[in-house]
Structures are given as structure tokens and as C-alpha cells.
Amino acid sequence: MDSIEIWVDTQTGVNYVFRQSGYAGGLTPLLDRDGKPVVSALPLNND
């Protein structure tokens, strides 16, 4: 099973990419084209 998800830290707003393949996985910050972390506006709505 393979999956790619975007996770957002609800305290900082920083976006992360989570990649899973079988029993292995990895997490890294999502970067924009300038190499800076993507940050979502807070508060996040969980609708």
C-alpha cells in the first residue's frame, strides 16, 4: 500500500509531506519554489 498525505502542524501551521510505502514511511517539510516551508494560516478548520 502506497500513500502520500499532507499533514499540517496545528500549532505552527507548517505543512509536511508524509509518504508511506508498505511498512516504510517518511516525513519532510513541504517546501515552496524558493525552498521555504509552506505555512497555513491558523486557526485551521476541521470541517
PDB file of N, CA and C in Angstrom:
ATOM      1  N   MET A   1       0.835  -1.172   0.000  1.00  0.00           N
ATOM      2  CA  MET A   1       0.000   0.000   0.000  1.00  0.00           C
ATOM      3  C   MET A   1       0.888   1.246   0.000  1.00  0.00           C
ATOM      4  N   ASP A   2       0.653   2.124  -0.938  1.00  0.00           N
ATOM      5  CA  ASP A   2       1.396   3.380  -1.039  1.00  0.00           C
ATOM      6  C   ASP A   2       0.436   4.545  -0.822  1.00  0.00           C
ATOM      7  N   SER A   3       0.916   5.562  -0.107  1.00  0.00           N
ATOM      8  CA  SER A   3       0.094   6.761   0.070  1.00  0.00           C
ATOM      9  C   SER A   3       0.990   7.978   0.262  1.00  0.00           C
ATOM     10  N   ILE A   4       0.465   9.121  -0.151  1.00  0.00           N
ATOM     11  CA  ILE A   4       1.116  10.407   0.070  1.00  0.00           C
ATOM     12  C   ILE A   4       0.072  11.326   0.674  1.00  0.00           C
ATOM     13  N   GLU A   5       0.395  11.945   1.822  1.00  0.00           N
ATOM     14  CA  GLU A   5      -0.539  12.816   2.517  1.00  0.00           C
ATOM     15  C   GLU A   5       0.156  14.120   2.886  1.00  0.00           C
ATOM     16  N   ILE A   6      -0.634  15.182   3.025  1.00  0.00           N
ATOM     17  CA  ILE A   6      -0.138  16.458   3.533  1.00  0.00           C
ATOM     18  C   ILE A   6      -0.656  16.595   4.955  1.00  0.00           C
ATOM     19  N   TRP A   7       0.243  16.757   5.902  1.00  0.00           N
ATOM     20  CA  TRP A   7      -0.117  16.953   7.306  1.00  0.00           C
ATOM     21  C   TRP A   7       0.204  18.394   7.679  1.00  0.00           C
ATOM     22  N   VAL A   8      -0.632  18.993   8.541  1.00  0.00           N
ATOM     23  CA  VAL A   8      -0.419  20.366   8.977  1.00  0.00           C
ATOM     24  C   VAL A   8      -0.285  20.401  10.491  1.00  0.00           C
ATOM     25  N   ASP A   9       0.801  20.981  10.977  1.00  0.00           N
ATOM     26  CA  ASP A   9       1.002  21.176  12.415  1.00  0.00           C
ATOM     27  C   ASP A   9       0.024  22.256  12.877  1.00  0.00           C
ATOM     28  N   THR A  10      -0.883  21.895  13.771  1.00  0.00           N
ATOM     29  CA  THR A  10      -1.934  22.825  14.201  1.00  0.00           C
ATOM     30  C   THR A  10      -1.428  23.929  15.116  1.00  0.00           C
ATOM     31  N   GLN A  11      -0.210  23.836  15.607  1.00  0.00           N
ATOM     32  CA  GLN A  11       0.349  24.892  16.446  1.00  0.00           C
ATOM     33  C   GLN A  11       1.180  25.885  15.651  1.00  0.00           C
ATOM     34  N   THR A  12       1.866  25.416  14.608  1.00  0.00           N
ATOM     35  CA  THR A  12       2.745  26.297  13.831  1.00  0.00           C
ATOM     36  C   THR A  12       2.207  26.592  12.435  1.00  0.00           C
ATOM     37  N   GLY A  13       1.327  25.735  11.908  1.00  0.00           N
ATOM     38  CA  GLY A  13       0.814  25.889  10.551  1.00  0.00           C
ATOM     39  C   GLY A  13       1.722  25.330   9.481  1.00  0.00           C
ATOM     40  N   VAL A  14       2.882  24.782   9.856  1.00  0.00           N
ATOM     41  CA  VAL A  14       3.821  24.231   8.880  1.00  0.00           C
ATOM     42  C   VAL A  14       3.223  22.961   8.262  1.00  0.00           C
ATOM     43  N   ASN A  15       3.338  22.861   6.928  1.00  0.00           N
ATOM     44  CA  ASN A  15       2.839  21.707   6.180  1.00  0.00           C
ATOM     45  C   ASN A  15       3.954  20.688   6.001  1.00  0.00           C
ATOM     46  N   TYR A  16       3.601  19.415   6.112  1.00  0.00           N
ATOM     47  CA  TYR A  16       4.556  18.321   5.940  1.00  0.00           C
ATOM     48  C   TYR A  16       4.011  17.330   4.915  1.00  0.00           C
ATOM     49  N   VAL A  17       4.916  16.688   4.187  1.00  0.00           N
ATOM     50  CA  VAL A  17       4.550  15.613   3.266  1.00  0.00           C
ATOM     51  C   VAL A  17       4.882  14.305   3.959  1.00  0.00           C
ATOM     52  N   PHE A  18       3.889  13.410   4.049  1.00  0.00           N
ATOM     53  CA  PHE A  18       4.098  12.075   4.600  1.00  0.00           C
ATOM     54  C   PHE A  18       3.951  11.083   3.461  1.00  0.00           C
ATOM     55  N   ARG A  19       4.943  10.243   3.267  1.00  0.00           N
ATOM     56  CA  ARG A  19       4.936   9.226   2.211  1.00  0.00           C
ATOM     57  C   ARG A  19       5.065   7.873   2.866  1.00  0.00           C
ATOM     58  N   GLN A  20       4.144   6.961   2.511  1.00  0.00           N
ATOM     59  CA  GLN A  20       4.171   5.604   3.054  1.00  0.00           C
ATOM     60  C   GLN A  20       4.195   4.618   1.906  1.00  0.00           C
ATOM     61  N   SER A  21       5.053   3.608   2.046  1.00  0.00           N
ATOM     62  CA  SER A  21       5.126   2.521   1.081  1.00  0.00           C
ATOM     63  C   SER A  21       5.332   1.234   1.858  1.00  0.00           C
ATOM     64  N   GLY A  22       4.293   0.438   1.948  1.00  0.00           N
ATOM     65  CA  GLY A  22       4.367  -0.790   2.748  1.00  0.00           C
ATOM     66  C   GLY A  22       4.574  -0.448   4.216  1.00  0.00           C
ATOM     67  N   TYR A  23       5.628  -1.014   4.814  1.00  0.00           N
ATOM     68  CA  TYR A  23       5.922  -0.744   6.221  1.00  0.00           C
ATOM     69  C   TYR A  23       6.890   0.418   6.414  1.00  0.00           C
ATOM     70  N   ALA A  24       7.327   1.044   5.333  1.00  0.00           N
ATOM     71  CA  ALA A  24       8.262   2.167   5.418  1.00  0.00           C
ATOM     72  C   ALA A  24       7.524   3.483   5.207  1.00  0.00           C
ATOM     73  N   GLY A  25       8.043   4.545   5.790  1.00  0.00           N
ATOM     74  CA  GLY A  25       7.434   5.852   5.615  1.00  0.00           C
ATOM     75  C   GLY A  25       8.423   6.951   5.938  1.00  0.00           C
ATOM     76  N   GLY A  26       8.069   8.160   5.510  1.00  0.00           N
ATOM     77  CA  GLY A  26       8.932   9.293   5.789  1.00  0.00           C
ATOM     78  C   GLY A  26       8.129  10.572   5.869  1.00  0.00           C
ATOM     79  N   LEU A  27       8.666  11.539   6.597  1.00  0.00           N
ATOM     80  CA  LEU A  27       8.008  12.820   6.810  1.00  0.00           C
ATOM     81  C   LEU A  27       9.025  13.923   6.570  1.00  0.00           C
ATOM     82  N   THR A  28       8.641  14.928   5.776  1.00  0.00           N
ATOM     83  CA  THR A  28       9.537  16.042   5.485  1.00  0.00           C
ATOM     84  C   THR A  28       8.703  17.308   5.324  1.00  0.00           C
ATOM     85  N   PRO A  29       9.261  18.474   5.642  1.00  0.00           N
ATOM     86  CA  PRO A  29       8.509  19.710   5.436  1.00  0.00           C
ATOM     87  C   PRO A  29       8.187  19.912   3.950  1.00  0.00           C
ATOM     88  N   LEU A  30       7.017  20.451   3.666  1.00  0.00           N
ATOM     89  CA  LEU A  30       6.634  20.813   2.306  1.00  0.00           C
ATOM     90  C   LEU A  30       7.238  22.181   2.011  1.00  0.00           C
ATOM     91  N   LEU A  31       8.021  22.258   0.929  1.00  0.00           N
ATOM     92  CA  LEU A  31       8.725  23.494   0.599  1.00  0.00           C
ATOM     93  C   LEU A  31       8.123  24.150  -0.642  1.00  0.00           C
ATOM     94  N   ASP A  32       8.171  25.496  -0.674  1.00  0.00           N
ATOM     95  CA  ASP A  32       7.717  26.218  -1.857  1.00  0.00           C
ATOM     96  C   ASP A  32       8.859  26.281  -2.864  1.00  0.00           C
ATOM     97  N   ARG A  33       8.647  26.965  -3.962  1.00  0.00           N
ATOM     98  CA  ARG A  33       9.668  27.001  -5.023  1.00  0.00           C
ATOM     99  C   ARG A  33      10.937  27.730  -4.608  1.00  0.00           C
ATOM    100  N   ASP A  34      10.865  28.535  -3.526  1.00  0.00           N
ATOM    101  CA  ASP A  34      12.052  29.227  -3.021  1.00  0.00           C
ATOM    102  C   ASP A  34      12.778  28.439  -1.939  1.00  0.00           C
ATOM    103  N   GLY A  35      12.266  27.248  -1.613  1.00  0.00           N
ATOM    104  CA  GLY A  35      12.890  26.414  -0.595  1.00  0.00           C
ATOM    105  C   GLY A  35      12.467  26.731   0.819  1.00  0.00           C
ATOM    106  N   LYS A  36      11.416  27.540   0.967  1.00  0.00           N
ATOM    107  CA  LYS A  36      10.917  27.901   2.295  1.00  0.00           C
ATOM    108  C   LYS A  36       9.716  27.020   2.646  1.00  0.00           C
ATOM    109  N   PRO A  37       9.522  26.693   3.934  1.00  0.00           N
ATOM    110  CA  PRO A  37       8.393  25.850   4.330  1.00  0.00           C
ATOM    111  C   PRO A  37       7.053  26.518   4.010  1.00  0.00           C
ATOM    112  N   VAL A  38       6.095  25.702   3.574  1.00  0.00           N
ATOM    113  CA  VAL A  38       4.732  26.175   3.341  1.00  0.00           C
ATOM    114  C   VAL A  38       4.047  26.244   4.704  1.00  0.00           C
ATOM    115  N   VAL A  39       3.453  27.415   5.013  1.00  0.00           N
ATOM    116  CA  VAL A  39       2.795  27.619   6.297  1.00  0.00           C
ATOM    117  C   VAL A  39       1.345  28.017   6.050  1.00  0.00           C
ATOM    118  N   SER A  40       0.409  27.262   6.634  1.00  0.00           N
ATOM    119  CA  SER A  40      -1.021  27.556   6.512  1.00  0.00           C
ATOM    120  C   SER A  40      -1.419  28.575   7.579  1.00  0.00           C
ATOM    121  N   ALA A  41      -2.423  29.374   7.238  1.00  0.00           N
ATOM    122  CA  ALA A  41      -2.956  30.330   8.198  1.00  0.00           C
ATOM    123  C   ALA A  41      -3.649  29.585   9.343  1.00  0.00           C
ATOM    124  N   LEU A  42      -3.515  30.089  10.540  1.00  0.00           N
ATOM    125  CA  LEU A  42      -4.165  29.492  11.720  1.00  0.00           C
ATOM    126  C   LEU A  42      -5.274  30.406  12.182  1.00  0.00           C
ATOM    127  N   PRO A  43      -6.333  29.950  12.812  1.00  0.00           N
ATOM    128  CA  PRO A  43      -6.602  28.558  13.167  1.00  0.00           C
ATOM    129  C   PRO A  43      -7.127  27.765  11.972  1.00  0.00           C
ATOM    130  N   LEU A  44      -6.859  26.474  11.992  1.00  0.00           N
ATOM    131  CA  LEU A  44      -7.334  25.575  10.951  1.00  0.00           C
ATOM    132  C   LEU A  44      -8.733  25.112  11.294  1.00  0.00           C
ATOM    133  N   ASN A  45      -9.588  25.005  10.288  1.00  0.00           N
ATOM    134  CA  ASN A  45     -10.936  24.481  10.498  1.00  0.00           C
ATOM    135  C   ASN A  45     -10.945  23.013  10.150  1.00  0.00           C
ATOM    136  N   ASN A  46     -11.489  22.180  11.003  1.00  0.00           N
ATOM    137  CA  ASN A  46     -11.577  20.747  10.775  1.00  0.00           C
ATOM    138  C   ASN A  46     -12.973  20.361  10.344  1.00  0.00           C
ATOM    139  N   ASP A  47     -13.481  21.014   9.290  1.00  0.00           N
ATOM    140  CA  ASP A  47     -14.828  20.730   8.796  1.00  0.00           C
ATOM    141  C   ASP A  47     -14.840  19.544   7.871  1.00  0.00           C
TER     142      ASP A  47
END
